[in-house]
Amino acid sequence: MAEAWVRMELDVGTFDADRWAPYAERCRAAGVRLTTLAELGDGPAQRRLLYELNKECAADIPGRGPFYSYEEYLRERVDVPSFDPRGVVLALAGDEWVGMAATSDRRGSGCVFNEMTGVRRAFRGAGVAVAMKVHGMGFADLCGVRLVRTVHHPTNAKVIAMNRMLGYVEADWDELTS
């Protein structure tokens, strides 16, 4: 029998973003800046770069299987009511997109949902993922909710541990709505 995916959530009302400021400072010192897709502009060129970054990072997710074609990606991930470019945090080293933390608007379920956090291999281990996730916590406020939810393959131990470190707890919740 296959193991169940790990469902987690974080109450941003009790989250202390200042505690994690050193991660953003470390990124800045390494020449990595954080922004959002909304700040960069949500156009066709940016969506293609987001797709390529997401595809590369998703290859390391246990049990992921083949990634979407570009057209499928737009249809399934971007051209949907829950997509909001303000919820897509990007890490850039110069002009290179090196990391993403995409969070969707699921306020119909009382939360935002962290869809994907990924960092290109050459930039892993420097705290970029933590910095992006912390930067993205403000998206819950923009959506008027207190919960951030996410799911992980049970063997994705590093990401589960990162989320626990940030204060996520395992939770049991129903399917999400928009």
C-alpha atoms as a PDB file:
ATOM      1  CA  MET A   1       0.000   0.000   0.000  1.00  0.00           C
ATOM      2  CA  ALA A   2       1.349   3.426  -0.950  1.00  0.00           C
ATOM      3  CA  GLU A   3       2.041   5.904   1.816  1.00  0.00           C
ATOM      4  CA  ALA A   4      -0.327   8.845   2.099  1.00  0.00           C
ATOM      5  CA  TRP A   5       0.905  12.274   1.134  1.00  0.00           C
ATOM      6  CA  VAL A   6       1.778  14.503   4.079  1.00  0.00           C
ATOM      7  CA  ARG A   7      -0.714  17.348   4.540  1.00  0.00           C
ATOM      8  CA  MET A   8       0.569  20.348   6.465  1.00  0.00           C
ATOM      9  CA  GLU A   9      -0.629  23.794   7.475  1.00  0.00           C
ATOM     10  CA  LEU A  10       0.672  26.936   9.121  1.00  0.00           C
ATOM     11  CA  ASP A  11      -1.293  29.609  10.976  1.00  0.00           C
ATOM     12  CA  VAL A  12       0.285  32.859   9.752  1.00  0.00           C
ATOM     13  CA  GLY A  13      -1.374  34.677  12.631  1.00  0.00           C
ATOM     14  CA  THR A  14       1.226  33.107  14.923  1.00  0.00           C
ATOM     15  CA  PHE A  15       4.109  33.163  12.420  1.00  0.00           C
ATOM     16  CA  ASP A  16       7.091  35.377  13.343  1.00  0.00           C
ATOM     17  CA  ALA A  17       8.612  36.443  10.017  1.00  0.00           C
ATOM     18  CA  ASP A  18      11.341  38.469  11.765  1.00  0.00           C
ATOM     19  CA  ARG A  19      12.810  35.246  13.124  1.00  0.00           C
ATOM     20  CA  TRP A  20      13.622  34.191   9.567  1.00  0.00           C
ATOM     21  CA  ALA A  21      15.029  37.542   8.331  1.00  0.00           C
ATOM     22  CA  PRO A  22      18.621  36.198   8.302  1.00  0.00           C
ATOM     23  CA  TYR A  23      17.647  33.922   5.390  1.00  0.00           C
ATOM     24  CA  ALA A  24      16.624  36.888   3.234  1.00  0.00           C
ATOM     25  CA  GLU A  25      19.757  38.756   4.322  1.00  0.00           C
ATOM     26  CA  ARG A  26      21.912  35.780   3.324  1.00  0.00           C
ATOM     27  CA  CYS A  27      20.223  35.737  -0.084  1.00  0.00           C
ATOM     28  CA  ARG A  28      20.871  39.457  -0.601  1.00  0.00           C
ATOM     29  CA  ALA A  29      24.516  39.002   0.420  1.00  0.00           C
ATOM     30  CA  ALA A  30      24.825  36.229  -2.179  1.00  0.00           C
ATOM     31  CA  GLY A  31      23.310  38.453  -4.888  1.00  0.00           C
ATOM     32  CA  VAL A  32      19.890  36.771  -4.867  1.00  0.00           C
ATOM     33  CA  ARG A  33      16.876  39.052  -4.699  1.00  0.00           C
ATOM     34  CA  LEU A  34      13.272  38.130  -3.985  1.00  0.00           C
ATOM     35  CA  THR A  35      10.332  39.476  -5.935  1.00  0.00           C
ATOM     36  CA  THR A  36       6.965  38.290  -7.229  1.00  0.00           C
ATOM     37  CA  LEU A  37       5.625  37.540 -10.671  1.00  0.00           C
ATOM     38  CA  ALA A  38       3.236  40.466 -10.201  1.00  0.00           C
ATOM     39  CA  GLU A  39       6.166  42.839  -9.567  1.00  0.00           C
ATOM     40  CA  LEU A  40       8.080  41.536 -12.597  1.00  0.00           C
ATOM     41  CA  GLY A  41       5.052  41.549 -14.868  1.00  0.00           C
ATOM     42  CA  ASP A  42       2.842  38.580 -15.635  1.00  0.00           C
ATOM     43  CA  GLY A  43       3.331  38.337 -19.379  1.00  0.00           C
ATOM     44  CA  PRO A  44       4.022  35.532 -21.859  1.00  0.00           C
ATOM     45  CA  ALA A  45       7.826  35.741 -21.502  1.00  0.00           C
ATOM     46  CA  GLN A  46       7.614  35.592 -17.703  1.00  0.00           C
ATOM     47  CA  ARG A  47       5.172  32.692 -17.814  1.00  0.00           C
ATOM     48  CA  ARG A  48       7.556  30.753 -20.057  1.00  0.00           C
ATOM     49  CA  LEU A  49      10.432  31.382 -17.608  1.00  0.00           C
ATOM     50  CA  LEU A  50       8.202  30.298 -14.711  1.00  0.00           C
ATOM     51  CA  TYR A  51       7.286  27.113 -16.581  1.00  0.00           C
ATOM     52  CA  GLU A  52      10.931  26.243 -17.304  1.00  0.00           C
ATOM     53  CA  LEU A  53      11.932  26.848 -13.682  1.00  0.00           C
ATOM     54  CA  ASN A  54       8.968  24.866 -12.333  1.00  0.00           C
ATOM     55  CA  LYS A  55       9.663  21.987 -14.729  1.00  0.00           C
ATOM     56  CA  GLU A  56      13.327  21.801 -13.722  1.00  0.00           C
ATOM     57  CA  CYS A  57      12.625  21.935  -9.990  1.00  0.00           C
ATOM     58  CA  ALA A  58       9.670  19.531 -10.148  1.00  0.00           C
ATOM     59  CA  ALA A  59      11.922  16.829 -11.605  1.00  0.00           C
ATOM     60  CA  ASP A  60      13.246  16.251  -8.062  1.00  0.00           C
ATOM     61  CA  ILE A  61       9.844  15.692  -6.434  1.00  0.00           C
ATOM     62  CA  PRO A  62       9.449  12.035  -5.451  1.00  0.00           C
ATOM     63  CA  GLY A  63       6.584  10.393  -7.304  1.00  0.00           C
ATOM     64  CA  ARG A  64       6.038  13.427  -9.549  1.00  0.00           C
ATOM     65  CA  GLY A  65       6.016  11.655 -12.902  1.00  0.00           C
ATOM     66  CA  PRO A  66       6.197  13.502 -16.222  1.00  0.00           C
ATOM     67  CA  PHE A  67       5.784  17.262 -16.083  1.00  0.00           C
ATOM     68  CA  TYR A  68       3.140  19.155 -18.005  1.00  0.00           C
ATOM     69  CA  SER A  69       3.659  20.414 -21.538  1.00  0.00           C
ATOM     70  CA  TYR A  70       3.718  24.213 -21.633  1.00  0.00           C
ATOM     71  CA  GLU A  71       0.117  24.333 -22.864  1.00  0.00           C
ATOM     72  CA  GLU A  72      -1.021  21.920 -20.119  1.00  0.00           C
ATOM     73  CA  TYR A  73       0.859  23.973 -17.529  1.00  0.00           C
ATOM     74  CA  LEU A  74      -0.933  27.145 -18.536  1.00  0.00           C
ATOM     75  CA  ARG A  75      -4.301  25.373 -18.553  1.00  0.00           C
ATOM     76  CA  GLU A  76      -3.797  23.506 -15.244  1.00  0.00           C
ATOM     77  CA  ARG A  77      -1.696  25.956 -13.194  1.00  0.00           C
ATOM     78  CA  VAL A  78      -1.962  29.477 -14.584  1.00  0.00           C
ATOM     79  CA  ASP A  79      -5.284  29.957 -16.358  1.00  0.00           C
ATOM     80  CA  VAL A  80      -7.242  28.943 -13.258  1.00  0.00           C
ATOM     81  CA  PRO A  81      -9.165  31.062 -10.721  1.00  0.00           C
ATOM     82  CA  SER A  82      -6.717  30.247  -7.889  1.00  0.00           C
ATOM     83  CA  PHE A  83      -3.659  31.619  -9.751  1.00  0.00           C
ATOM     84  CA  ASP A  84      -2.503  35.054  -8.632  1.00  0.00           C
ATOM     85  CA  PRO A  85       0.896  36.428  -9.714  1.00  0.00           C
ATOM     86  CA  ARG A  86       1.204  38.130  -6.310  1.00  0.00           C
ATOM     87  CA  GLY A  87       1.450  34.636  -4.822  1.00  0.00           C
ATOM     88  CA  VAL A  88       4.404  33.583  -6.979  1.00  0.00           C
ATOM     89  CA  VAL A  89       7.637  34.489  -5.186  1.00  0.00           C
ATOM     90  CA  LEU A  90      10.751  34.342  -7.347  1.00  0.00           C
ATOM     91  CA  ALA A  91      14.426  34.300  -6.443  1.00  0.00           C
ATOM     92  CA  LEU A  92      16.649  35.961  -9.042  1.00  0.00           C
ATOM     93  CA  ALA A  93      20.439  35.974  -9.326  1.00  0.00           C
ATOM     94  CA  GLY A  94      20.974  38.821 -11.733  1.00  0.00           C
ATOM     95  CA  ASP A  95      18.566  38.012 -14.559  1.00  0.00           C
ATOM     96  CA  GLU A  96      18.524  34.258 -13.858  1.00  0.00           C
ATOM     97  CA  TRP A  97      15.427  32.800 -12.220  1.00  0.00           C
ATOM     98  CA  VAL A  98      16.846  30.451  -9.577  1.00  0.00           C
ATOM     99  CA  GLY A  99      13.882  29.679  -7.328  1.00  0.00           C
ATOM    100  CA  MET A 100      10.126  29.856  -6.996  1.00  0.00           C
ATOM    101  CA  ALA A 101       7.510  29.493  -4.295  1.00  0.00           C
ATOM    102  CA  ALA A 102       4.070  29.481  -5.904  1.00  0.00           C
ATOM    103  CA  THR A 103       1.077  29.894  -3.621  1.00  0.00           C
ATOM    104  CA  SER A 104      -2.497  29.807  -4.881  1.00  0.00           C
ATOM    105  CA  ASP A 105      -5.561  31.638  -3.593  1.00  0.00           C
ATOM    106  CA  ARG A 106      -7.871  29.042  -2.058  1.00  0.00           C
ATOM    107  CA  ARG A 107      -9.830  31.416   0.166  1.00  0.00           C
ATOM    108  CA  GLY A 108     -12.959  29.356  -0.591  1.00  0.00           C
ATOM    109  CA  SER A 109     -11.267  26.734   1.611  1.00  0.00           C
ATOM    110  CA  GLY A 110     -10.114  29.360   4.107  1.00  0.00           C
ATOM    111  CA  CYS A 111      -6.459  29.206   3.090  1.00  0.00           C
ATOM    112  CA  VAL A 112      -3.780  29.824   0.528  1.00  0.00           C
ATOM    113  CA  PHE A 113      -2.009  26.750  -0.811  1.00  0.00           C
ATOM    114  CA  ASN A 114       1.719  26.410  -1.403  1.00  0.00           C
ATOM    115  CA  GLU A 115       1.721  24.639  -4.766  1.00  0.00           C
ATOM    116  CA  MET A 116       5.450  24.424  -5.361  1.00  0.00           C
ATOM    117  CA  THR A 117       8.669  25.581  -3.775  1.00  0.00           C
ATOM    118  CA  GLY A 118      11.781  24.811  -5.748  1.00  0.00           C
ATOM    119  CA  VAL A 119      15.345  26.019  -6.147  1.00  0.00           C
ATOM    120  CA  ARG A 120      17.766  25.204  -8.946  1.00  0.00           C
ATOM    121  CA  ARG A 121      20.405  22.733  -7.765  1.00  0.00           C
ATOM    122  CA  ALA A 122      23.318  25.180  -7.956  1.00  0.00           C
ATOM    123  CA  PHE A 123      21.531  27.472  -5.476  1.00  0.00           C
ATOM    124  CA  ARG A 124      20.304  24.877  -2.977  1.00  0.00           C
ATOM    125  CA  GLY A 125      21.525  24.807   0.601  1.00  0.00           C
ATOM    126  CA  ALA A 126      21.795  28.589   0.879  1.00  0.00           C
ATOM    127  CA  GLY A 127      18.406  29.222   2.497  1.00  0.00           C
ATOM    128  CA  VAL A 128      16.720  30.453  -0.693  1.00  0.00           C
ATOM    129  CA  ALA A 129      13.670  28.198  -0.227  1.00  0.00           C
ATOM    130  CA  VAL A 130      13.117  29.377   3.344  1.00  0.00           C
ATOM    131  CA  ALA A 131      13.533  33.029   2.314  1.00  0.00           C
ATOM    132  CA  MET A 132      10.999  32.620  -0.507  1.00  0.00           C
ATOM    133  CA  LYS A 133       8.444  30.861   1.693  1.00  0.00           C
ATOM    134  CA  VAL A 134       8.741  33.554   4.372  1.00  0.00           C
ATOM    135  CA  HIS A 135       8.478  36.305   1.733  1.00  0.00           C
ATOM    136  CA  GLY A 136       5.327  34.652   0.441  1.00  0.00           C
ATOM    137  CA  MET A 137       3.557  34.500   3.811  1.00  0.00           C
ATOM    138  CA  GLY A 138       2.137  37.978   3.168  1.00  0.00           C
ATOM    139  CA  PHE A 139       0.022  36.504   0.367  1.00  0.00           C
ATOM    140  CA  ALA A 140      -2.268  34.969   3.001  1.00  0.00           C
ATOM    141  CA  ASP A 141      -2.955  38.471   4.330  1.00  0.00           C
ATOM    142  CA  LEU A 142      -3.693  39.726   0.813  1.00  0.00           C
ATOM    143  CA  CYS A 143      -6.270  36.936   0.509  1.00  0.00           C
ATOM    144  CA  GLY A 144      -7.708  37.595   3.972  1.00  0.00           C
ATOM    145  CA  VAL A 145      -6.913  34.153   5.397  1.00  0.00           C
ATOM    146  CA  ARG A 146      -4.738  32.856   8.233  1.00  0.00           C
ATOM    147  CA  LEU A 147      -3.814  29.396   6.950  1.00  0.00           C
ATOM    148  CA  VAL A 148      -1.178  28.266   4.477  1.00  0.00           C
ATOM    149  CA  ARG A 149      -1.545  24.631   3.449  1.00  0.00           C
ATOM    150  CA  THR A 150       0.654  22.292   1.455  1.00  0.00           C
ATOM    151  CA  VAL A 151       1.146  18.594   0.683  1.00  0.00           C
ATOM    152  CA  HIS A 152       4.312  16.554   0.199  1.00  0.00           C
ATOM    153  CA  HIS A 153       5.269  13.091  -0.900  1.00  0.00           C
ATOM    154  CA  PRO A 154       6.135  11.175   2.307  1.00  0.00           C
ATOM    155  CA  THR A 155       9.727  10.565   1.163  1.00  0.00           C
ATOM    156  CA  ASN A 156      10.396  14.272   0.528  1.00  0.00           C
ATOM    157  CA  ALA A 157      12.028  14.492   3.969  1.00  0.00           C
ATOM    158  CA  LYS A 158      14.044  17.698   3.431  1.00  0.00           C
ATOM    159  CA  VAL A 159      11.032  19.755   2.399  1.00  0.00           C
ATOM    160  CA  ILE A 160       8.856  18.314   5.166  1.00  0.00           C
ATOM    161  CA  ALA A 161      11.607  19.135   7.685  1.00  0.00           C
ATOM    162  CA  MET A 162      11.924  22.697   6.298  1.00  0.00           C
ATOM    163  CA  ASN A 163       8.193  23.228   6.708  1.00  0.00           C
ATOM    164  CA  ARG A 164       8.244  21.837  10.256  1.00  0.00           C
ATOM    165  CA  MET A 165      11.116  24.191  11.067  1.00  0.00           C
ATOM    166  CA  LEU A 166       8.952  27.097   9.847  1.00  0.00           C
ATOM    167  CA  GLY A 167       6.104  25.985  12.109  1.00  0.00           C
ATOM    168  CA  TYR A 168       3.928  23.927   9.772  1.00  0.00           C
ATOM    169  CA  VAL A 169       2.150  21.042  11.475  1.00  0.00           C
ATOM    170  CA  GLU A 170       0.610  17.944  10.009  1.00  0.00           C
ATOM    171  CA  ALA A 171      -3.113  18.446   9.519  1.00  0.00           C
ATOM    172  CA  ASP A 172      -6.115  16.646   8.180  1.00  0.00           C
ATOM    173  CA  TRP A 173      -8.258  18.704   5.824  1.00  0.00           C
ATOM    174  CA  ASP A 174     -10.580  18.061   2.933  1.00  0.00           C
ATOM    175  CA  GLU A 175      -9.935  18.819  -0.702  1.00  0.00           C
ATOM    176  CA  LEU A 176      -9.366  22.477  -1.542  1.00  0.00           C
ATOM    177  CA  THR A 177     -11.723  24.722  -3.446  1.00  0.00           C
ATOM    178  CA  SER A 178     -10.973  27.997  -5.172  1.00  0.00           C
END
